[in-house]
Amino acid sequence: LKAALAGAGHALEAVTEKELEQLAATEHPQGIVAVIEPPRWTLADLKPGPRAPVLVLDAVQDPGNVGTMVRSAFALGAAGVLALPGTAEITNPKTLRATMGGWFRLPYVALDEPALETWAAAASVRLLVAAMDGAPPERSRGQAVAIVVGNEGGGTRPSLDRWAHGRIGIPLRAGAESLNVGIAAGILLYEVTRE
């Protein structure tokens, strides 16, 4: 790794074990810390399509959940992730680790609800809100979709129902109260992207 980085012209600096512990955000660092320029994604970077949905996070607060969903969205072919206010910061070390590199490969844009509504209309994207009473997801009919998943305790903001195109959900067996938001997002993304 050192040879590859040096060969690519990147500056390397050796540090002591104590310095590494101070720089790293984990208890047991893996021996390397990288300083990088983060990606600067915009809405123009999203290219939604029938098999490339957009995942919208509505005030998802847990950094691990946010990172897991970015990782899943990348792996399942999503066009990108949009984050509404109240969502954990993508640059939080726990969030960033949980993306497993997904943030560096998948557009991720923070925006407010009016900007989301404007973007969805301009991009001809059907917005579907995940809800306990939502209908099971259907295969795409040629139109791009955006799936909104909500806050771990409160769900999605009610104002989305005013302009969303529908509600989707995952049928659960009797007695099961709910799923973790990260798990639910992965299932919904899989269902709308598979052939």
N, C-alpha and C. Protein backbone atom coordinates (compact mmCIF):
# COMPACT_ATOMS: atom_id res chain seq x y z
N LEU A 1 0.83 -1.19 0.00
CA LEU A 1 0.00 0.00 0.00
C LEU A 1 0.87 1.25 0.00
N LYS A 2 1.91 1.23 0.83
CA LYS A 2 2.81 2.39 0.87
C LYS A 2 3.44 2.65 -0.49
N ALA A 3 3.89 1.58 -1.13
CA ALA A 3 4.54 1.73 -2.44
C ALA A 3 3.55 2.26 -3.47
N ALA A 4 2.33 1.74 -3.45
CA ALA A 4 1.31 2.18 -4.42
C ALA A 4 0.97 3.65 -4.21
N LEU A 5 0.80 4.07 -2.95
CA LEU A 5 0.49 5.47 -2.67
C LEU A 5 1.64 6.38 -3.06
N ALA A 6 2.84 5.98 -2.70
CA ALA A 6 4.02 6.80 -3.05
C ALA A 6 4.18 6.86 -4.57
N GLY A 7 3.95 5.74 -5.24
CA GLY A 7 4.07 5.70 -6.70
C GLY A 7 3.04 6.58 -7.38
N ALA A 8 1.90 6.81 -6.74
CA ALA A 8 0.86 7.67 -7.30
C ALA A 8 1.06 9.13 -6.92
N GLY A 9 2.16 9.41 -6.20
CA GLY A 9 2.48 10.79 -5.86
C GLY A 9 1.82 11.32 -4.60
N HIS A 10 1.27 10.44 -3.77
CA HIS A 10 0.64 10.89 -2.53
C HIS A 10 1.69 11.01 -1.43
N ALA A 11 1.57 12.05 -0.62
CA ALA A 11 2.50 12.26 0.48
C ALA A 11 2.21 11.28 1.60
N LEU A 12 3.24 10.68 2.15
CA LEU A 12 3.12 9.75 3.26
C LEU A 12 3.87 10.31 4.46
N GLU A 13 3.33 10.08 5.63
CA GLU A 13 4.01 10.53 6.84
C GLU A 13 3.88 9.46 7.91
N ALA A 14 5.01 8.97 8.38
CA ALA A 14 5.00 7.97 9.44
C ALA A 14 4.73 8.66 10.78
N VAL A 15 3.92 8.01 11.62
CA VAL A 15 3.61 8.55 12.94
C VAL A 15 3.82 7.46 13.97
N THR A 16 3.91 7.86 15.22
CA THR A 16 4.06 6.88 16.28
C THR A 16 2.70 6.23 16.55
N GLU A 17 2.73 5.12 17.30
CA GLU A 17 1.50 4.43 17.64
C GLU A 17 0.57 5.34 18.44
N LYS A 18 1.14 6.12 19.34
CA LYS A 18 0.35 7.04 20.15
C LYS A 18 -0.29 8.12 19.27
N GLU A 19 0.45 8.65 18.31
CA GLU A 19 -0.10 9.65 17.40
C GLU A 19 -1.23 9.06 16.55
N LEU A 20 -1.04 7.81 16.12
CA LEU A 20 -2.07 7.15 15.32
C LEU A 20 -3.35 6.99 16.13
N GLU A 21 -3.23 6.61 17.39
CA GLU A 21 -4.40 6.46 18.26
C GLU A 21 -5.14 7.78 18.41
N GLN A 22 -4.41 8.88 18.47
CA GLN A 22 -5.04 10.20 18.60
C GLN A 22 -5.74 10.62 17.30
N LEU A 23 -5.18 10.23 16.17
CA LEU A 23 -5.75 10.61 14.88
C LEU A 23 -6.93 9.75 14.47
N ALA A 24 -6.89 8.47 14.82
CA ALA A 24 -7.93 7.54 14.39
C ALA A 24 -9.18 7.68 15.25
N ALA A 25 -10.33 7.38 14.65
CA ALA A 25 -11.60 7.49 15.37
C ALA A 25 -12.07 6.16 15.92
N THR A 26 -11.21 5.15 15.91
CA THR A 26 -11.58 3.83 16.42
C THR A 26 -10.65 3.43 17.56
N GLU A 27 -11.10 2.46 18.36
CA GLU A 27 -10.27 1.99 19.47
C GLU A 27 -9.07 1.20 18.98
N HIS A 28 -9.25 0.44 17.92
CA HIS A 28 -8.18 -0.39 17.39
C HIS A 28 -7.94 -0.05 15.91
N PRO A 29 -7.24 1.05 15.65
CA PRO A 29 -7.03 1.45 14.25
C PRO A 29 -6.24 0.40 13.48
N GLN A 30 -6.44 0.39 12.17
CA GLN A 30 -5.82 -0.62 11.32
C GLN A 30 -4.44 -0.23 10.81
N GLY A 31 -3.88 0.82 11.34
CA GLY A 31 -2.50 1.16 11.00
C GLY A 31 -2.34 2.23 9.95
N ILE A 32 -3.44 2.77 9.45
CA ILE A 32 -3.34 3.81 8.43
C ILE A 32 -4.49 4.80 8.60
N VAL A 33 -4.18 6.06 8.39
CA VAL A 33 -5.19 7.12 8.38
C VAL A 33 -4.96 7.90 7.10
N ALA A 34 -6.02 8.15 6.36
CA ALA A 34 -5.91 8.90 5.11
C ALA A 34 -6.62 10.24 5.24
N VAL A 35 -6.01 11.26 4.71
CA VAL A 35 -6.61 12.58 4.64
C VAL A 35 -6.97 12.79 3.17
N ILE A 36 -8.26 12.95 2.90
CA ILE A 36 -8.71 13.05 1.51
C ILE A 36 -9.63 14.24 1.32
N GLU A 37 -9.81 14.63 0.08
CA GLU A 37 -10.80 15.64 -0.27
C GLU A 37 -12.12 14.91 -0.46
N PRO A 38 -13.15 15.22 0.32
CA PRO A 38 -14.41 14.49 0.19
C PRO A 38 -15.10 14.84 -1.13
N PRO A 39 -15.93 13.92 -1.64
CA PRO A 39 -16.66 14.22 -2.87
C PRO A 39 -17.66 15.35 -2.64
N ARG A 40 -17.89 16.11 -3.66
CA ARG A 40 -18.88 17.20 -3.58
C ARG A 40 -19.99 16.89 -4.58
N TRP A 41 -20.93 16.06 -4.13
CA TRP A 41 -22.02 15.63 -4.99
C TRP A 41 -23.08 16.71 -5.12
N THR A 42 -23.75 16.75 -6.26
CA THR A 42 -24.89 17.65 -6.48
C THR A 42 -26.05 16.82 -7.04
N LEU A 43 -27.23 17.41 -7.10
CA LEU A 43 -28.38 16.72 -7.65
C LEU A 43 -28.16 16.32 -9.11
N ALA A 44 -27.34 17.07 -9.82
CA ALA A 44 -27.05 16.75 -11.22
C ALA A 44 -26.29 15.43 -11.34
N ASP A 45 -25.64 14.98 -10.27
CA ASP A 45 -24.90 13.71 -10.29
C ASP A 45 -25.81 12.49 -10.21
N LEU A 46 -27.05 12.68 -9.78
CA LEU A 46 -28.00 11.57 -9.69
C LEU A 46 -28.58 11.28 -11.06
N LYS A 47 -28.57 10.02 -11.43
CA LYS A 47 -29.13 9.58 -12.72
C LYS A 47 -30.15 8.47 -12.46
N PRO A 48 -31.32 8.83 -11.89
CA PRO A 48 -32.31 7.81 -11.57
C PRO A 48 -32.90 7.18 -12.82
N GLY A 49 -33.27 5.92 -12.69
CA GLY A 49 -33.89 5.20 -13.80
C GLY A 49 -34.71 4.05 -13.26
N PRO A 50 -35.32 3.27 -14.16
CA PRO A 50 -36.18 2.16 -13.73
C PRO A 50 -35.48 1.16 -12.81
N ARG A 51 -34.21 0.92 -13.00
CA ARG A 51 -33.48 -0.02 -12.15
C ARG A 51 -32.45 0.71 -11.28
N ALA A 52 -32.59 2.01 -11.18
CA ALA A 52 -31.67 2.82 -10.36
C ALA A 52 -32.47 3.81 -9.53
N PRO A 53 -33.09 3.32 -8.43
CA PRO A 53 -33.89 4.21 -7.58
C PRO A 53 -33.01 5.15 -6.77
N VAL A 54 -33.64 6.12 -6.18
CA VAL A 54 -32.96 7.02 -5.25
C VAL A 54 -33.52 6.73 -3.86
N LEU A 55 -32.64 6.66 -2.88
CA LEU A 55 -33.07 6.45 -1.50
C LEU A 55 -33.07 7.80 -0.80
N VAL A 56 -34.18 8.13 -0.15
CA VAL A 56 -34.30 9.39 0.58
C VAL A 56 -34.37 9.08 2.07
N LEU A 57 -33.49 9.69 2.84
CA LEU A 57 -33.45 9.49 4.29
C LEU A 57 -34.11 10.69 4.97
N ASP A 58 -35.17 10.45 5.71
CA ASP A 58 -35.91 11.51 6.37
C ASP A 58 -35.62 11.49 7.87
N ALA A 59 -34.68 12.30 8.29
CA ALA A 59 -34.33 12.45 9.71
C ALA A 59 -33.90 11.13 10.34
N VAL A 60 -33.17 10.30 9.59
CA VAL A 60 -32.62 9.07 10.16
C VAL A 60 -31.44 9.49 11.03
N GLN A 61 -31.54 9.26 12.32
CA GLN A 61 -30.59 9.83 13.26
C GLN A 61 -29.38 8.97 13.57
N ASP A 62 -29.50 7.67 13.48
CA ASP A 62 -28.40 6.80 13.88
C ASP A 62 -27.33 6.76 12.79
N PRO A 63 -26.09 7.16 13.10
CA PRO A 63 -25.03 7.16 12.09
C PRO A 63 -24.79 5.79 11.47
N GLY A 64 -24.90 4.73 12.27
CA GLY A 64 -24.72 3.39 11.73
C GLY A 64 -25.79 3.02 10.73
N ASN A 65 -27.04 3.42 11.00
CA ASN A 65 -28.13 3.15 10.06
C ASN A 65 -27.91 3.91 8.74
N VAL A 66 -27.52 5.18 8.85
CA VAL A 66 -27.28 5.98 7.64
C VAL A 66 -26.18 5.34 6.80
N GLY A 67 -25.07 4.99 7.44
CA GLY A 67 -23.96 4.37 6.71
C GLY A 67 -24.34 3.05 6.09
N THR A 68 -25.10 2.24 6.82
CA THR A 68 -25.55 0.95 6.30
C THR A 68 -26.42 1.14 5.07
N MET A 69 -27.29 2.13 5.10
CA MET A 69 -28.18 2.36 3.96
C MET A 69 -27.42 2.87 2.74
N VAL A 70 -26.41 3.71 2.95
CA VAL A 70 -25.59 4.16 1.82
C VAL A 70 -24.86 2.96 1.22
N ARG A 71 -24.31 2.11 2.07
CA ARG A 71 -23.63 0.90 1.60
C ARG A 71 -24.57 0.01 0.80
N SER A 72 -25.78 -0.23 1.32
CA SER A 72 -26.76 -1.06 0.64
C SER A 72 -27.21 -0.41 -0.67
N ALA A 73 -27.45 0.89 -0.64
CA ALA A 73 -27.89 1.58 -1.85
C ALA A 73 -26.85 1.45 -2.96
N PHE A 74 -25.59 1.60 -2.62
CA PHE A 74 -24.54 1.44 -3.62
C PHE A 74 -24.54 0.01 -4.16
N ALA A 75 -24.57 -0.96 -3.26
CA ALA A 75 -24.48 -2.36 -3.66
C ALA A 75 -25.67 -2.80 -4.52
N LEU A 76 -26.85 -2.21 -4.28
CA LEU A 76 -28.05 -2.62 -5.00
C LEU A 76 -28.32 -1.78 -6.25
N GLY A 77 -27.42 -0.90 -6.61
CA GLY A 77 -27.54 -0.17 -7.86
C GLY A 77 -28.34 1.11 -7.81
N ALA A 78 -28.53 1.68 -6.63
CA ALA A 78 -29.27 2.94 -6.53
C ALA A 78 -28.52 4.05 -7.25
N ALA A 79 -29.27 5.06 -7.67
CA ALA A 79 -28.67 6.21 -8.35
C ALA A 79 -28.05 7.18 -7.36
N GLY A 80 -28.46 7.12 -6.10
CA GLY A 80 -27.92 8.02 -5.10
C GLY A 80 -28.77 8.02 -3.85
N VAL A 81 -28.33 8.82 -2.89
CA VAL A 81 -29.03 8.96 -1.61
C VAL A 81 -29.22 10.45 -1.34
N LEU A 82 -30.43 10.81 -0.93
CA LEU A 82 -30.75 12.19 -0.55
C LEU A 82 -31.07 12.20 0.94
N ALA A 83 -30.59 13.21 1.63
CA ALA A 83 -30.78 13.29 3.08
C ALA A 83 -31.55 14.55 3.45
N LEU A 84 -32.72 14.36 4.04
CA LEU A 84 -33.52 15.47 4.54
C LEU A 84 -33.00 15.92 5.90
N PRO A 85 -33.35 17.12 6.34
CA PRO A 85 -32.88 17.63 7.63
C PRO A 85 -33.15 16.65 8.78
N GLY A 86 -32.21 16.61 9.70
CA GLY A 86 -32.31 15.73 10.86
C GLY A 86 -31.60 14.41 10.66
N THR A 87 -31.12 14.15 9.44
CA THR A 87 -30.39 12.91 9.16
C THR A 87 -28.96 13.05 9.66
N ALA A 88 -28.43 11.98 10.22
CA ALA A 88 -27.05 11.98 10.74
C ALA A 88 -26.09 12.43 9.64
N GLU A 89 -25.10 13.19 10.03
CA GLU A 89 -24.11 13.73 9.10
C GLU A 89 -23.29 12.61 8.47
N ILE A 90 -23.17 12.65 7.15
CA ILE A 90 -22.44 11.60 6.43
C ILE A 90 -20.96 11.57 6.81
N THR A 91 -20.40 12.70 7.21
CA THR A 91 -18.98 12.73 7.56
C THR A 91 -18.71 12.33 9.01
N ASN A 92 -19.75 11.99 9.76
CA ASN A 92 -19.55 11.45 11.10
C ASN A 92 -18.69 10.19 10.94
N PRO A 93 -17.63 10.03 11.73
CA PRO A 93 -16.76 8.85 11.55
C PRO A 93 -17.50 7.51 11.57
N LYS A 94 -18.50 7.37 12.44
CA LYS A 94 -19.26 6.11 12.49
C LYS A 94 -20.06 5.91 11.20
N THR A 95 -20.68 6.98 10.72
CA THR A 95 -21.44 6.90 9.47
C THR A 95 -20.52 6.54 8.31
N LEU A 96 -19.42 7.24 8.22
CA LEU A 96 -18.48 7.04 7.12
C LEU A 96 -17.94 5.61 7.11
N ARG A 97 -17.58 5.08 8.29
CA ARG A 97 -17.10 3.69 8.36
C ARG A 97 -18.17 2.72 7.89
N ALA A 98 -19.42 2.96 8.30
CA ALA A 98 -20.50 2.04 7.96
C ALA A 98 -20.81 2.04 6.46
N THR A 99 -20.47 3.10 5.74
CA THR A 99 -20.71 3.11 4.29
C THR A 99 -19.78 2.16 3.56
N MET A 100 -18.69 1.74 4.19
CA MET A 100 -17.71 0.83 3.59
C MET A 100 -17.28 1.32 2.21
N GLY A 101 -17.05 2.62 2.10
CA GLY A 101 -16.59 3.21 0.85
C GLY A 101 -17.71 3.65 -0.07
N GLY A 102 -18.96 3.32 0.25
CA GLY A 102 -20.08 3.68 -0.61
C GLY A 102 -20.22 5.16 -0.85
N TRP A 103 -19.92 5.97 0.16
CA TRP A 103 -20.06 7.42 0.01
C TRP A 103 -19.14 7.98 -1.07
N PHE A 104 -18.02 7.33 -1.30
CA PHE A 104 -17.07 7.82 -2.29
C PHE A 104 -17.47 7.42 -3.71
N ARG A 105 -18.46 6.55 -3.85
CA ARG A 105 -18.87 6.05 -5.16
C ARG A 105 -20.30 6.37 -5.53
N LEU A 106 -21.09 6.79 -4.56
CA LEU A 106 -22.52 6.99 -4.78
C LEU A 106 -22.90 8.43 -4.41
N PRO A 107 -23.55 9.16 -5.32
CA PRO A 107 -23.94 10.53 -4.98
C PRO A 107 -24.78 10.58 -3.71
N TYR A 108 -24.44 11.53 -2.85
CA TYR A 108 -25.13 11.72 -1.57
C TYR A 108 -25.30 13.23 -1.41
N VAL A 109 -26.55 13.68 -1.34
CA VAL A 109 -26.84 15.11 -1.29
C VAL A 109 -27.81 15.40 -0.14
N ALA A 110 -27.48 16.38 0.68
CA ALA A 110 -28.39 16.85 1.72
C ALA A 110 -29.23 17.98 1.13
N LEU A 111 -30.54 17.96 1.42
CA LEU A 111 -31.44 18.98 0.90
C LEU A 111 -32.67 19.07 1.79
N ASP A 112 -33.50 20.10 1.57
CA ASP A 112 -34.73 20.23 2.34
C ASP A 112 -35.90 19.70 1.52
N GLU A 113 -37.07 19.64 2.14
CA GLU A 113 -38.23 19.05 1.45
C GLU A 113 -38.64 19.82 0.20
N PRO A 114 -38.70 21.17 0.21
CA PRO A 114 -39.06 21.86 -1.04
C PRO A 114 -38.09 21.55 -2.19
N ALA A 115 -36.80 21.45 -1.89
CA ALA A 115 -35.83 21.10 -2.93
C ALA A 115 -36.05 19.68 -3.43
N LEU A 116 -36.42 18.77 -2.52
CA LEU A 116 -36.71 17.39 -2.92
C LEU A 116 -37.92 17.35 -3.85
N GLU A 117 -38.96 18.08 -3.51
CA GLU A 117 -40.17 18.10 -4.34
C GLU A 117 -39.87 18.68 -5.73
N THR A 118 -39.10 19.76 -5.77
CA THR A 118 -38.73 20.37 -7.06
C THR A 118 -37.91 19.41 -7.90
N TRP A 119 -36.92 18.76 -7.27
CA TRP A 119 -36.07 17.81 -7.99
C TRP A 119 -36.88 16.65 -8.53
N ALA A 120 -37.76 16.07 -7.69
CA ALA A 120 -38.56 14.91 -8.11
C ALA A 120 -39.43 15.26 -9.31
N ALA A 121 -40.04 16.43 -9.29
CA ALA A 121 -40.88 16.84 -10.42
C ALA A 121 -40.04 17.06 -11.68
N ALA A 122 -38.92 17.74 -11.54
CA ALA A 122 -38.08 18.03 -12.71
C ALA A 122 -37.47 16.76 -13.30
N ALA A 123 -37.15 15.78 -12.45
CA ALA A 123 -36.52 14.54 -12.91
C ALA A 123 -37.54 13.45 -13.23
N SER A 124 -38.84 13.75 -13.12
CA SER A 124 -39.92 12.78 -13.35
C SER A 124 -39.74 11.52 -12.51
N VAL A 125 -39.49 11.72 -11.23
CA VAL A 125 -39.28 10.62 -10.29
C VAL A 125 -40.51 10.47 -9.42
N ARG A 126 -41.03 9.24 -9.33
CA ARG A 126 -42.16 8.94 -8.44
C ARG A 126 -41.63 8.79 -7.02
N LEU A 127 -42.15 9.57 -6.09
CA LEU A 127 -41.73 9.49 -4.69
C LEU A 127 -42.67 8.56 -3.94
N LEU A 128 -42.10 7.51 -3.34
CA LEU A 128 -42.86 6.53 -2.57
C LEU A 128 -42.38 6.56 -1.13
N VAL A 129 -43.32 6.72 -0.21
CA VAL A 129 -43.00 6.82 1.21
C VAL A 129 -43.16 5.45 1.86
N ALA A 130 -42.12 4.98 2.53
CA ALA A 130 -42.18 3.70 3.24
C ALA A 130 -43.02 3.88 4.51
N ALA A 131 -43.98 2.99 4.69
CA ALA A 131 -44.87 3.08 5.84
C ALA A 131 -45.39 1.69 6.20
N MET A 132 -45.74 1.51 7.46
CA MET A 132 -46.27 0.22 7.92
C MET A 132 -47.52 -0.18 7.15
N ASP A 133 -48.33 0.80 6.75
CA ASP A 133 -49.57 0.49 6.04
C ASP A 133 -49.42 0.58 4.53
N GLY A 134 -48.18 0.67 4.05
CA GLY A 134 -47.95 0.79 2.62
C GLY A 134 -48.13 -0.52 1.88
N ALA A 135 -48.41 -0.42 0.59
CA ALA A 135 -48.58 -1.60 -0.27
C ALA A 135 -47.21 -2.19 -0.58
N PRO A 136 -47.15 -3.51 -0.81
CA PRO A 136 -45.87 -4.12 -1.18
C PRO A 136 -45.32 -3.46 -2.44
N PRO A 137 -43.99 -3.33 -2.54
CA PRO A 137 -43.41 -2.68 -3.72
C PRO A 137 -43.68 -3.48 -4.99
N GLU A 138 -43.86 -2.75 -6.08
CA GLU A 138 -44.04 -3.39 -7.38
C GLU A 138 -42.77 -3.17 -8.20
N ARG A 139 -42.60 -4.01 -9.22
CA ARG A 139 -41.48 -3.81 -10.14
C ARG A 139 -41.68 -2.50 -10.86
N SER A 140 -40.59 -1.88 -11.21
CA SER A 140 -40.66 -0.61 -11.91
C SER A 140 -41.37 -0.77 -13.25
N ARG A 141 -42.16 0.20 -13.59
CA ARG A 141 -42.86 0.18 -14.88
C ARG A 141 -42.19 1.14 -15.86
N GLY A 142 -40.91 1.29 -15.75
CA GLY A 142 -40.19 2.16 -16.67
C GLY A 142 -39.94 3.56 -16.13
N GLN A 143 -40.47 3.88 -14.96
CA GLN A 143 -40.26 5.21 -14.39
C GLN A 143 -39.36 5.11 -13.17
N ALA A 144 -38.53 6.10 -13.00
CA ALA A 144 -37.64 6.15 -11.84
C ALA A 144 -38.45 6.39 -10.57
N VAL A 145 -37.98 5.81 -9.47
CA VAL A 145 -38.63 6.01 -8.18
C VAL A 145 -37.61 6.48 -7.14
N ALA A 146 -38.14 7.16 -6.15
CA ALA A 146 -37.37 7.51 -4.96
C ALA A 146 -38.13 6.93 -3.78
N ILE A 147 -37.43 6.24 -2.92
CA ILE A 147 -38.04 5.61 -1.75
C ILE A 147 -37.62 6.40 -0.52
N VAL A 148 -38.61 6.87 0.24
CA VAL A 148 -38.33 7.63 1.45
C VAL A 148 -38.47 6.73 2.66
N VAL A 149 -37.41 6.63 3.46
CA VAL A 149 -37.49 5.92 4.74
C VAL A 149 -37.30 6.95 5.85
N GLY A 150 -37.96 6.70 6.98
CA GLY A 150 -38.01 7.74 8.01
C GLY A 150 -37.25 7.46 9.27
N ASN A 151 -37.38 8.40 10.14
CA ASN A 151 -36.76 8.41 11.46
C ASN A 151 -37.08 7.12 12.21
N GLU A 152 -36.09 6.62 12.95
CA GLU A 152 -36.22 5.35 13.66
C GLU A 152 -37.43 5.28 14.59
N GLY A 153 -37.79 6.39 15.20
CA GLY A 153 -38.91 6.37 16.14
C GLY A 153 -40.17 7.01 15.59
N GLY A 154 -40.00 8.03 14.74
CA GLY A 154 -41.16 8.80 14.30
C GLY A 154 -41.60 8.56 12.87
N GLY A 155 -40.87 7.79 12.11
CA GLY A 155 -41.24 7.57 10.72
C GLY A 155 -40.96 8.77 9.85
N THR A 156 -41.69 8.90 8.76
CA THR A 156 -41.49 10.00 7.82
C THR A 156 -42.34 11.20 8.21
N ARG A 157 -41.93 12.35 7.76
CA ARG A 157 -42.69 13.57 8.05
C ARG A 157 -44.03 13.54 7.32
N PRO A 158 -45.12 13.90 7.99
CA PRO A 158 -46.45 13.85 7.38
C PRO A 158 -46.59 14.71 6.12
N SER A 159 -45.83 15.79 6.02
CA SER A 159 -45.96 16.68 4.87
C SER A 159 -45.61 15.99 3.56
N LEU A 160 -44.83 14.91 3.60
CA LEU A 160 -44.49 14.20 2.36
C LEU A 160 -45.72 13.57 1.73
N ASP A 161 -46.69 13.15 2.55
CA ASP A 161 -47.89 12.51 2.03
C ASP A 161 -48.71 13.46 1.15
N ARG A 162 -48.53 14.77 1.33
CA ARG A 162 -49.26 15.76 0.53
C ARG A 162 -48.92 15.64 -0.95
N TRP A 163 -47.67 15.32 -1.26
CA TRP A 163 -47.27 15.33 -2.67
C TRP A 163 -46.64 14.02 -3.16
N ALA A 164 -46.42 13.07 -2.27
CA ALA A 164 -45.83 11.79 -2.68
C ALA A 164 -46.80 11.03 -3.58
N HIS A 165 -46.26 10.12 -4.37
CA HIS A 165 -47.06 9.36 -5.32
C HIS A 165 -47.65 8.08 -4.72
N GLY A 166 -47.28 7.76 -3.50
CA GLY A 166 -47.83 6.57 -2.88
C GLY A 166 -47.05 6.16 -1.65
N ARG A 167 -47.53 5.08 -1.02
CA ARG A 167 -46.89 4.54 0.18
C ARG A 167 -46.56 3.08 -0.08
N ILE A 168 -45.37 2.67 0.26
CA ILE A 168 -44.98 1.27 0.11
C ILE A 168 -44.58 0.71 1.47
N GLY A 169 -44.69 -0.59 1.59
CA GLY A 169 -44.34 -1.23 2.84
C GLY A 169 -43.94 -2.67 2.62
N ILE A 170 -43.52 -3.29 3.69
CA ILE A 170 -43.10 -4.69 3.66
C ILE A 170 -44.06 -5.48 4.53
N PRO A 171 -44.77 -6.45 3.94
CA PRO A 171 -45.68 -7.26 4.75
C PRO A 171 -44.90 -8.03 5.82
N LEU A 172 -45.32 -7.92 7.06
CA LEU A 172 -44.66 -8.60 8.17
C LEU A 172 -45.60 -9.64 8.77
N ARG A 173 -45.03 -10.66 9.36
CA ARG A 173 -45.86 -11.68 10.00
C ARG A 173 -46.56 -11.08 11.21
N ALA A 174 -47.65 -11.65 11.59
CA ALA A 174 -48.43 -11.18 12.74
C ALA A 174 -47.54 -11.19 13.99
N GLY A 175 -47.59 -10.11 14.73
CA GLY A 175 -46.82 -10.01 15.96
C GLY A 175 -45.51 -9.29 15.80
N ALA A 176 -45.03 -9.13 14.56
CA ALA A 176 -43.79 -8.38 14.32
C ALA A 176 -44.14 -6.91 14.22
N GLU A 177 -43.55 -6.11 15.08
CA GLU A 177 -43.91 -4.70 15.14
C GLU A 177 -43.32 -3.89 14.00
N SER A 178 -42.03 -4.10 13.71
CA SER A 178 -41.38 -3.30 12.67
C SER A 178 -40.02 -3.92 12.35
N LEU A 179 -39.36 -3.30 11.37
CA LEU A 179 -37.99 -3.67 11.01
C LEU A 179 -37.07 -2.49 11.28
N ASN A 180 -35.80 -2.76 11.46
CA ASN A 180 -34.80 -1.70 11.52
C ASN A 180 -34.85 -0.94 10.20
N VAL A 181 -34.71 0.38 10.24
CA VAL A 181 -34.84 1.19 9.04
C VAL A 181 -33.80 0.82 7.98
N GLY A 182 -32.61 0.43 8.40
CA GLY A 182 -31.58 0.02 7.44
C GLY A 182 -31.95 -1.27 6.73
N ILE A 183 -32.51 -2.22 7.48
CA ILE A 183 -32.95 -3.48 6.89
C ILE A 183 -34.11 -3.22 5.93
N ALA A 184 -35.07 -2.42 6.37
CA ALA A 184 -36.23 -2.11 5.53
C ALA A 184 -35.80 -1.45 4.23
N ALA A 185 -34.89 -0.50 4.31
CA ALA A 185 -34.42 0.18 3.10
C ALA A 185 -33.78 -0.79 2.13
N GLY A 186 -32.98 -1.72 2.64
CA GLY A 186 -32.34 -2.71 1.78
C GLY A 186 -33.36 -3.60 1.08
N ILE A 187 -34.37 -4.04 1.82
CA ILE A 187 -35.41 -4.89 1.23
C ILE A 187 -36.17 -4.13 0.15
N LEU A 188 -36.57 -2.90 0.45
CA LEU A 188 -37.33 -2.11 -0.52
C LEU A 188 -36.51 -1.82 -1.77
N LEU A 189 -35.23 -1.48 -1.59
CA LEU A 189 -34.37 -1.23 -2.75
C LEU A 189 -34.23 -2.49 -3.60
N TYR A 190 -34.07 -3.62 -2.96
CA TYR A 190 -33.95 -4.88 -3.70
C TYR A 190 -35.22 -5.15 -4.50
N GLU A 191 -36.36 -4.97 -3.85
CA GLU A 191 -37.64 -5.27 -4.51
C GLU A 191 -37.89 -4.39 -5.72
N VAL A 192 -37.53 -3.12 -5.67
CA VAL A 192 -37.81 -2.26 -6.81
C VAL A 192 -36.74 -2.34 -7.90
N THR A 193 -35.60 -2.95 -7.60
CA THR A 193 -34.55 -3.03 -8.62
C THR A 193 -34.43 -4.40 -9.27
N ARG A 194 -34.94 -5.45 -8.64
CA ARG A 194 -34.74 -6.77 -9.22
C ARG A 194 -35.63 -6.97 -10.45
N GLU A 195 -35.15 -7.82 -11.33
CA GLU A 195 -35.88 -8.11 -12.57
C GLU A 195 -37.16 -8.88 -12.25
